[in-house]
């Protein structure tokens, strides 16, 4: 039996011209689609799928966020996800708005966004704006996995592909990591493998280093790649900004 989608998330990282520059499409097309979905839900007496808007915040688009709150309210969207930019290029590394320490200016900005959202009837899901001690992996906590188009099974989206990211300005090469392929094994066998169980236990208990606030990170080779951390754990989650809720995935 086909399963119905419970949630649809639309990325809206800016308005009009900025949206077109990022997405190569018209924002009105997205809004029209959302209106159609809302109309069909009403006609069918359904509350699902829930419609979310996600906004990835940076120095480039911060002035658009209050207007996106207005847009969400106008489209009768109840939840707005705000995530921080994880830079992937040298050009973008200085466009982040979060920092290691408390920043009153950005905190005041986000307090205003939160108040406006609540007044408009929109629930904001907000990231952290400074480094926190607590670490929590939403993929591991929710027993989720990421299956690539090739069939490789990765623990999360971040570790499913190769790219560069900048962690507080420091370049890191993220490497894809696989616990097996559904072309060779069934998913349950991969999930119950000793290596994958050990990885999930390690992450759940936060028994891995934290490169972000390590005193020796400037002279350490392990921070340059996600292949392995200084305790010999592979893959390395020690620099993951999602686990610190700087970036949000659902």
C-alpha atoms as a PDB file:
ATOM      1  CA  UNK A   1       0.000   0.000   0.000  1.00  0.00           C
ATOM      2  CA  UNK A   2       1.381   3.434  -0.917  1.00  0.00           C
ATOM      3  CA  UNK A   3       2.181   5.664   2.037  1.00  0.00           C
ATOM      4  CA  UNK A   4       1.163   9.310   2.088  1.00  0.00           C
ATOM      5  CA  UNK A   5       3.764  12.004   2.698  1.00  0.00           C
ATOM      6  CA  UNK A   6       3.525  13.422   6.208  1.00  0.00           C
ATOM      7  CA  UNK A   7       5.623  16.521   5.606  1.00  0.00           C
ATOM      8  CA  UNK A   8       6.793  18.625   2.667  1.00  0.00           C
ATOM      9  CA  UNK A   9       9.589  21.151   3.160  1.00  0.00           C
ATOM     10  CA  UNK A  10      10.070  24.034   0.716  1.00  0.00           C
ATOM     11  CA  UNK A  11      13.397  25.888   0.663  1.00  0.00           C
ATOM     12  CA  UNK A  12      12.882  29.638   0.581  1.00  0.00           C
ATOM     13  CA  UNK A  13      16.239  31.316   1.190  1.00  0.00           C
ATOM     14  CA  UNK A  14      15.202  34.746  -0.048  1.00  0.00           C
ATOM     15  CA  UNK A  15      12.514  36.747  -1.785  1.00  0.00           C
ATOM     16  CA  UNK A  16      11.914  37.431  -5.483  1.00  0.00           C
ATOM     17  CA  UNK A  17      15.274  38.335  -7.054  1.00  0.00           C
ATOM     18  CA  UNK A  18      17.393  36.571  -4.416  1.00  0.00           C
ATOM     19  CA  UNK A  19      15.242  33.421  -4.630  1.00  0.00           C
ATOM     20  CA  UNK A  20      15.573  33.377  -8.427  1.00  0.00           C
ATOM     21  CA  UNK A  21      19.343  33.863  -8.173  1.00  0.00           C
ATOM     22  CA  UNK A  22      19.672  30.917  -5.773  1.00  0.00           C
ATOM     23  CA  UNK A  23      17.084  28.536  -7.212  1.00  0.00           C
ATOM     24  CA  UNK A  24      16.779  29.631 -10.834  1.00  0.00           C
ATOM     25  CA  UNK A  25      12.998  29.649 -10.492  1.00  0.00           C
ATOM     26  CA  UNK A  26      10.199  32.031  -9.596  1.00  0.00           C
ATOM     27  CA  UNK A  27       9.168  32.319  -5.951  1.00  0.00           C
ATOM     28  CA  UNK A  28       5.573  32.725  -7.120  1.00  0.00           C
ATOM     29  CA  UNK A  29       5.713  29.236  -8.631  1.00  0.00           C
ATOM     30  CA  UNK A  30       6.547  27.841  -5.200  1.00  0.00           C
ATOM     31  CA  UNK A  31       3.837  29.907  -3.518  1.00  0.00           C
ATOM     32  CA  UNK A  32       1.287  28.751  -6.102  1.00  0.00           C
ATOM     33  CA  UNK A  33       2.197  25.113  -5.447  1.00  0.00           C
ATOM     34  CA  UNK A  34       1.815  25.607  -1.689  1.00  0.00           C
ATOM     35  CA  UNK A  35      -1.596  27.235  -2.155  1.00  0.00           C
ATOM     36  CA  UNK A  36      -2.731  24.302  -4.306  1.00  0.00           C
ATOM     37  CA  UNK A  37      -1.630  21.786  -1.685  1.00  0.00           C
ATOM     38  CA  UNK A  38      -3.392  23.714   1.067  1.00  0.00           C
ATOM     39  CA  UNK A  39      -6.572  23.875  -1.041  1.00  0.00           C
ATOM     40  CA  UNK A  40      -6.533  20.137  -1.748  1.00  0.00           C
ATOM     41  CA  UNK A  41      -6.012  19.395   1.957  1.00  0.00           C
ATOM     42  CA  UNK A  42      -9.064  21.521   2.801  1.00  0.00           C
ATOM     43  CA  UNK A  43     -11.192  19.835   0.143  1.00  0.00           C
ATOM     44  CA  UNK A  44     -10.206  16.400   1.413  1.00  0.00           C
ATOM     45  CA  UNK A  45     -10.508  17.327   5.090  1.00  0.00           C
ATOM     46  CA  UNK A  46      -6.840  16.441   5.648  1.00  0.00           C
ATOM     47  CA  UNK A  47      -4.237  17.935   7.976  1.00  0.00           C
ATOM     48  CA  UNK A  48      -1.336  16.252   6.205  1.00  0.00           C
ATOM     49  CA  UNK A  49       1.037  16.665   4.578  1.00  0.00           C
ATOM     50  CA  UNK A  50       2.327  19.396   6.874  1.00  0.00           C
ATOM     51  CA  UNK A  51       3.952  22.213   4.904  1.00  0.00           C
ATOM     52  CA  UNK A  52       7.200  23.664   6.226  1.00  0.00           C
ATOM     53  CA  UNK A  53       9.396  26.464   4.910  1.00  0.00           C
ATOM     54  CA  UNK A  54      13.146  26.226   5.487  1.00  0.00           C
ATOM     55  CA  UNK A  55      15.393  29.288   5.386  1.00  0.00           C
ATOM     56  CA  UNK A  56      19.208  29.013   5.418  1.00  0.00           C
ATOM     57  CA  UNK A  57      20.428  32.220   7.018  1.00  0.00           C
ATOM     58  CA  UNK A  58      23.605  34.101   6.094  1.00  0.00           C
ATOM     59  CA  UNK A  59      24.882  37.661   5.946  1.00  0.00           C
ATOM     60  CA  UNK A  60      23.573  37.854   2.366  1.00  0.00           C
ATOM     61  CA  UNK A  61      19.890  37.263   3.111  1.00  0.00           C
ATOM     62  CA  UNK A  62      19.310  38.257   6.735  1.00  0.00           C
ATOM     63  CA  UNK A  63      17.108  41.209   5.724  1.00  0.00           C
ATOM     64  CA  UNK A  64      14.743  38.811   3.905  1.00  0.00           C
ATOM     65  CA  UNK A  65      13.925  36.638   6.908  1.00  0.00           C
ATOM     66  CA  UNK A  66      11.282  38.945   8.501  1.00  0.00           C
ATOM     67  CA  UNK A  67       9.464  39.047   5.148  1.00  0.00           C
ATOM     68  CA  UNK A  68       9.651  35.257   4.861  1.00  0.00           C
ATOM     69  CA  UNK A  69       7.855  35.091   8.225  1.00  0.00           C
ATOM     70  CA  UNK A  70       5.106  37.246   6.675  1.00  0.00           C
ATOM     71  CA  UNK A  71       5.040  34.964   3.624  1.00  0.00           C
ATOM     72  CA  UNK A  72       4.715  31.841   5.777  1.00  0.00           C
ATOM     73  CA  UNK A  73       1.779  33.385   7.641  1.00  0.00           C
ATOM     74  CA  UNK A  74       0.075  34.412   4.382  1.00  0.00           C
ATOM     75  CA  UNK A  75       0.426  30.855   3.069  1.00  0.00           C
ATOM     76  CA  UNK A  76      -0.969  29.437   6.331  1.00  0.00           C
ATOM     77  CA  UNK A  77       2.282  27.600   7.059  1.00  0.00           C
ATOM     78  CA  UNK A  78       2.652  26.779  10.730  1.00  0.00           C
ATOM     79  CA  UNK A  79       6.367  25.965  10.922  1.00  0.00           C
ATOM     80  CA  UNK A  80       9.403  27.923   9.719  1.00  0.00           C
ATOM     81  CA  UNK A  81      12.780  26.202  10.005  1.00  0.00           C
ATOM     82  CA  UNK A  82      15.751  28.556  10.223  1.00  0.00           C
ATOM     83  CA  UNK A  83      19.165  26.976   9.755  1.00  0.00           C
ATOM     84  CA  UNK A  84      22.612  28.520   9.571  1.00  0.00           C
ATOM     85  CA  UNK A  85      24.846  28.498   6.520  1.00  0.00           C
ATOM     86  CA  UNK A  86      27.592  25.866   6.430  1.00  0.00           C
ATOM     87  CA  UNK A  87      30.039  27.470   3.977  1.00  0.00           C
ATOM     88  CA  UNK A  88      31.385  25.265   1.217  1.00  0.00           C
ATOM     89  CA  UNK A  89      33.518  27.865  -0.553  1.00  0.00           C
ATOM     90  CA  UNK A  90      36.230  30.317   0.397  1.00  0.00           C
ATOM     91  CA  UNK A  91      33.941  33.102  -0.776  1.00  0.00           C
ATOM     92  CA  UNK A  92      31.198  32.170   1.698  1.00  0.00           C
ATOM     93  CA  UNK A  93      33.261  31.395   4.790  1.00  0.00           C
ATOM     94  CA  UNK A  94      32.905  34.926   6.202  1.00  0.00           C
ATOM     95  CA  UNK A  95      29.129  35.104   5.641  1.00  0.00           C
ATOM     96  CA  UNK A  96      28.151  33.108   8.740  1.00  0.00           C
ATOM     97  CA  UNK A  97      26.236  34.858  11.516  1.00  0.00           C
ATOM     98  CA  UNK A  98      27.031  32.407  14.329  1.00  0.00           C
ATOM     99  CA  UNK A  99      30.175  32.429  16.472  1.00  0.00           C
ATOM    100  CA  UNK A 100      31.921  30.461  19.201  1.00  0.00           C
ATOM    101  CA  UNK A 101      30.815  32.930  21.851  1.00  0.00           C
ATOM    102  CA  UNK A 102      27.726  34.931  22.721  1.00  0.00           C
ATOM    103  CA  UNK A 103      26.893  37.702  20.246  1.00  0.00           C
ATOM    104  CA  UNK A 104      24.274  40.135  21.558  1.00  0.00           C
ATOM    105  CA  UNK A 105      23.612  41.653  18.121  1.00  0.00           C
ATOM    106  CA  UNK A 106      22.583  38.401  16.432  1.00  0.00           C
ATOM    107  CA  UNK A 107      20.721  37.252  19.554  1.00  0.00           C
ATOM    108  CA  UNK A 108      18.626  40.437  19.511  1.00  0.00           C
ATOM    109  CA  UNK A 109      17.976  39.949  15.805  1.00  0.00           C
ATOM    110  CA  UNK A 110      16.727  36.419  16.360  1.00  0.00           C
ATOM    111  CA  UNK A 111      14.652  37.418  19.401  1.00  0.00           C
ATOM    112  CA  UNK A 112      12.831  39.847  17.115  1.00  0.00           C
ATOM    113  CA  UNK A 113      12.308  37.108  14.509  1.00  0.00           C
ATOM    114  CA  UNK A 114      10.942  34.805  17.198  1.00  0.00           C
ATOM    115  CA  UNK A 115       8.514  37.421  18.515  1.00  0.00           C
ATOM    116  CA  UNK A 116       7.306  38.285  15.030  1.00  0.00           C
ATOM    117  CA  UNK A 117       6.793  34.619  14.173  1.00  0.00           C
ATOM    118  CA  UNK A 118       4.723  33.970  17.278  1.00  0.00           C
ATOM    119  CA  UNK A 119       2.581  37.053  16.660  1.00  0.00           C
ATOM    120  CA  UNK A 120       1.968  35.832  13.093  1.00  0.00           C
ATOM    121  CA  UNK A 121       1.042  32.344  14.296  1.00  0.00           C
ATOM    122  CA  UNK A 122       4.154  30.717  12.834  1.00  0.00           C
ATOM    123  CA  UNK A 123       6.236  28.335  14.927  1.00  0.00           C
ATOM    124  CA  UNK A 124       9.960  29.065  14.439  1.00  0.00           C
ATOM    125  CA  UNK A 125      12.486  26.227  14.710  1.00  0.00           C
ATOM    126  CA  UNK A 126      15.699  28.109  15.411  1.00  0.00           C
ATOM    127  CA  UNK A 127      19.341  27.011  15.506  1.00  0.00           C
ATOM    128  CA  UNK A 128      21.982  27.884  18.076  1.00  0.00           C
ATOM    129  CA  UNK A 129      23.980  31.063  17.530  1.00  0.00           C
ATOM    130  CA  UNK A 130      26.991  30.223  19.644  1.00  0.00           C
ATOM    131  CA  UNK A 131      28.829  27.023  20.495  1.00  0.00           C
ATOM    132  CA  UNK A 132      27.070  24.842  23.073  1.00  0.00           C
ATOM    133  CA  UNK A 133      28.434  21.873  25.018  1.00  0.00           C
ATOM    134  CA  UNK A 134      25.569  19.517  24.240  1.00  0.00           C
ATOM    135  CA  UNK A 135      25.861  17.359  21.124  1.00  0.00           C
ATOM    136  CA  UNK A 136      22.945  15.487  19.586  1.00  0.00           C
ATOM    137  CA  UNK A 137      22.655  13.771  16.201  1.00  0.00           C
ATOM    138  CA  UNK A 138      19.111  13.922  14.833  1.00  0.00           C
ATOM    139  CA  UNK A 139      19.843  11.049  12.424  1.00  0.00           C
ATOM    140  CA  UNK A 140      21.048   8.657  15.128  1.00  0.00           C
ATOM    141  CA  UNK A 141      18.481   9.806  17.700  1.00  0.00           C
ATOM    142  CA  UNK A 142      15.611   9.114  15.279  1.00  0.00           C
ATOM    143  CA  UNK A 143      17.041   5.803  13.938  1.00  0.00           C
ATOM    144  CA  UNK A 144      17.363   7.335  10.465  1.00  0.00           C
ATOM    145  CA  UNK A 145      19.761   6.443   7.690  1.00  0.00           C
ATOM    146  CA  UNK A 146      20.672   7.911   4.316  1.00  0.00           C
ATOM    147  CA  UNK A 147      20.622   5.648   1.249  1.00  0.00           C
ATOM    148  CA  UNK A 148      22.438   7.117  -1.739  1.00  0.00           C
ATOM    149  CA  UNK A 149      21.268   6.691  -5.321  1.00  0.00           C
ATOM    150  CA  UNK A 150      24.168   4.244  -5.749  1.00  0.00           C
ATOM    151  CA  UNK A 151      22.809   2.052  -2.950  1.00  0.00           C
ATOM    152  CA  UNK A 152      25.487   2.972  -0.415  1.00  0.00           C
ATOM    153  CA  UNK A 153      24.177   3.343   3.151  1.00  0.00           C
ATOM    154  CA  UNK A 154      25.544   6.386   4.966  1.00  0.00           C
ATOM    155  CA  UNK A 155      24.776   7.473   8.538  1.00  0.00           C
ATOM    156  CA  UNK A 156      23.599  10.946   7.486  1.00  0.00           C
ATOM    157  CA  UNK A 157      23.347  13.398   4.613  1.00  0.00           C
ATOM    158  CA  UNK A 158      26.631  15.107   5.566  1.00  0.00           C
ATOM    159  CA  UNK A 159      28.644  11.894   5.251  1.00  0.00           C
ATOM    160  CA  UNK A 160      26.947  10.736   2.055  1.00  0.00           C
ATOM    161  CA  UNK A 161      28.972  12.825  -0.409  1.00  0.00           C
ATOM    162  CA  UNK A 162      32.338  14.505  -0.926  1.00  0.00           C
ATOM    163  CA  UNK A 163      32.623  18.265  -0.452  1.00  0.00           C
ATOM    164  CA  UNK A 164      34.535  20.999   1.366  1.00  0.00           C
ATOM    165  CA  UNK A 165      33.045  22.788   4.360  1.00  0.00           C
ATOM    166  CA  UNK A 166      34.366  25.672   6.448  1.00  0.00           C
ATOM    167  CA  UNK A 167      34.013  25.237  10.206  1.00  0.00           C
ATOM    168  CA  UNK A 168      34.408  28.684  11.785  1.00  0.00           C
ATOM    169  CA  UNK A 169      36.655  29.596   8.848  1.00  0.00           C
ATOM    170  CA  UNK A 170      38.732  26.381   8.895  1.00  0.00           C
ATOM    171  CA  UNK A 171      38.584  24.305   5.734  1.00  0.00           C
ATOM    172  CA  UNK A 172      37.631  20.635   6.113  1.00  0.00           C
ATOM    173  CA  UNK A 173      37.325  17.925   3.472  1.00  0.00           C
ATOM    174  CA  UNK A 174      34.223  15.842   4.129  1.00  0.00           C
ATOM    175  CA  UNK A 175      34.519  12.345   2.700  1.00  0.00           C
ATOM    176  CA  UNK A 176      31.619   9.970   1.943  1.00  0.00           C
ATOM    177  CA  UNK A 177      31.341   7.030   4.315  1.00  0.00           C
ATOM    178  CA  UNK A 178      29.375   3.834   3.747  1.00  0.00           C
ATOM    179  CA  UNK A 179      28.455   0.989   6.104  1.00  0.00           C
ATOM    180  CA  UNK A 180      27.453  -1.189   3.171  1.00  0.00           C
ATOM    181  CA  UNK A 181      25.404  -1.299  -0.006  1.00  0.00           C
ATOM    182  CA  UNK A 182      21.835  -2.467  -0.476  1.00  0.00           C
ATOM    183  CA  UNK A 183      23.067  -3.919  -3.775  1.00  0.00           C
ATOM    184  CA  UNK A 184      24.990  -6.543  -1.790  1.00  0.00           C
ATOM    185  CA  UNK A 185      23.126  -6.824   1.545  1.00  0.00           C
ATOM    186  CA  UNK A 186      19.646  -6.173   2.816  1.00  0.00           C
ATOM    187  CA  UNK A 187      19.141  -3.020   4.856  1.00  0.00           C
ATOM    188  CA  UNK A 188      18.532  -4.875   8.119  1.00  0.00           C
ATOM    189  CA  UNK A 189      21.891  -6.674   7.836  1.00  0.00           C
ATOM    190  CA  UNK A 190      23.685  -3.365   7.326  1.00  0.00           C
ATOM    191  CA  UNK A 191      21.780  -1.723  10.201  1.00  0.00           C
ATOM    192  CA  UNK A 192      22.652  -4.589  12.578  1.00  0.00           C
ATOM    193  CA  UNK A 193      26.296  -4.859  11.558  1.00  0.00           C
ATOM    194  CA  UNK A 194      28.865  -4.571  14.347  1.00  0.00           C
ATOM    195  CA  UNK A 195      30.450  -1.487  12.770  1.00  0.00           C
ATOM    196  CA  UNK A 196      27.162   0.413  12.392  1.00  0.00           C
ATOM    197  CA  UNK A 197      25.935  -0.487  15.901  1.00  0.00           C
ATOM    198  CA  UNK A 198      29.268   0.661  17.322  1.00  0.00           C
ATOM    199  CA  UNK A 199      29.069   3.943  15.438  1.00  0.00           C
ATOM    200  CA  UNK A 200      25.535   4.700  16.659  1.00  0.00           C
ATOM    201  CA  UNK A 201      26.493   3.884  20.248  1.00  0.00           C
ATOM    202  CA  UNK A 202      29.536   6.168  20.002  1.00  0.00           C
ATOM    203  CA  UNK A 203      27.446   9.075  18.723  1.00  0.00           C
ATOM    204  CA  UNK A 204      24.545   8.550  21.149  1.00  0.00           C
ATOM    205  CA  UNK A 205      26.936   8.666  24.103  1.00  0.00           C
ATOM    206  CA  UNK A 206      29.022  11.535  22.619  1.00  0.00           C
ATOM    207  CA  UNK A 207      32.174   9.466  23.078  1.00  0.00           C
ATOM    208  CA  UNK A 208      34.097  11.287  20.376  1.00  0.00           C
ATOM    209  CA  UNK A 209      36.362  14.365  20.383  1.00  0.00           C
ATOM    210  CA  UNK A 210      35.254  17.955  19.783  1.00  0.00           C
ATOM    211  CA  UNK A 211      37.584  19.637  17.308  1.00  0.00           C
ATOM    212  CA  UNK A 212      35.683  22.924  17.441  1.00  0.00           C
ATOM    213  CA  UNK A 213      36.736  23.784  20.989  1.00  0.00           C
ATOM    214  CA  UNK A 214      40.002  21.808  21.144  1.00  0.00           C
ATOM    215  CA  UNK A 215      43.106  23.792  22.156  1.00  0.00           C
ATOM    216  CA  UNK A 216      45.267  21.814  19.712  1.00  0.00           C
ATOM    217  CA  UNK A 217      43.106  22.006  16.583  1.00  0.00           C
ATOM    218  CA  UNK A 218      45.306  24.625  14.871  1.00  0.00           C
ATOM    219  CA  UNK A 219      48.205  22.187  14.666  1.00  0.00           C
ATOM    220  CA  UNK A 220      46.245  18.968  14.161  1.00  0.00           C
ATOM    221  CA  UNK A 221      45.978  17.069  10.884  1.00  0.00           C
ATOM    222  CA  UNK A 222      42.784  15.234  11.887  1.00  0.00           C
ATOM    223  CA  UNK A 223      40.698  18.423  11.616  1.00  0.00           C
ATOM    224  CA  UNK A 224      41.410  18.616   7.879  1.00  0.00           C
ATOM    225  CA  UNK A 225      39.268  15.607   6.970  1.00  0.00           C
ATOM    226  CA  UNK A 226      36.245  13.646   8.199  1.00  0.00           C
ATOM    227  CA  UNK A 227      37.983  10.302   7.579  1.00  0.00           C
ATOM    228  CA  UNK A 228      39.110   9.701  11.181  1.00  0.00           C
ATOM    229  CA  UNK A 229      39.345  11.553  14.498  1.00  0.00           C
ATOM    230  CA  UNK A 230      42.252  11.588  16.965  1.00  0.00           C
ATOM    231  CA  UNK A 231      40.735   8.649  18.891  1.00  0.00           C
ATOM    232  CA  UNK A 232      40.741   6.475  15.784  1.00  0.00           C
ATOM    233  CA  UNK A 233      36.990   6.662  15.185  1.00  0.00           C
ATOM    234  CA  UNK A 234      35.837   6.508  11.563  1.00  0.00           C
ATOM    235  CA  UNK A 235      34.022   8.403  10.252  1.00  0.00           C
ATOM    236  CA  UNK A 236      34.788  11.513  12.313  1.00  0.00           C
ATOM    237  CA  UNK A 237      31.853  13.533  13.660  1.00  0.00           C
ATOM    238  CA  UNK A 238      34.055  15.770  15.797  1.00  0.00           C
ATOM    239  CA  UNK A 239      33.463  18.904  13.678  1.00  0.00           C
ATOM    240  CA  UNK A 240      29.772  18.366  12.915  1.00  0.00           C
ATOM    241  CA  UNK A 241      27.836  21.629  13.234  1.00  0.00           C
ATOM    242  CA  UNK A 242      24.529  19.782  12.897  1.00  0.00           C
ATOM    243  CA  UNK A 243      25.226  17.976  16.182  1.00  0.00           C
ATOM    244  CA  UNK A 244      25.673  21.393  17.819  1.00  0.00           C
ATOM    245  CA  UNK A 245      22.375  22.596  16.286  1.00  0.00           C
ATOM    246  CA  UNK A 246      24.202  25.373  14.440  1.00  0.00           C
ATOM    247  CA  UNK A 247      22.630  23.830  11.351  1.00  0.00           C
ATOM    248  CA  UNK A 248      19.265  22.060  11.492  1.00  0.00           C
ATOM    249  CA  UNK A 249      18.113  18.967   9.640  1.00  0.00           C
ATOM    250  CA  UNK A 250      14.771  17.245  10.183  1.00  0.00           C
END
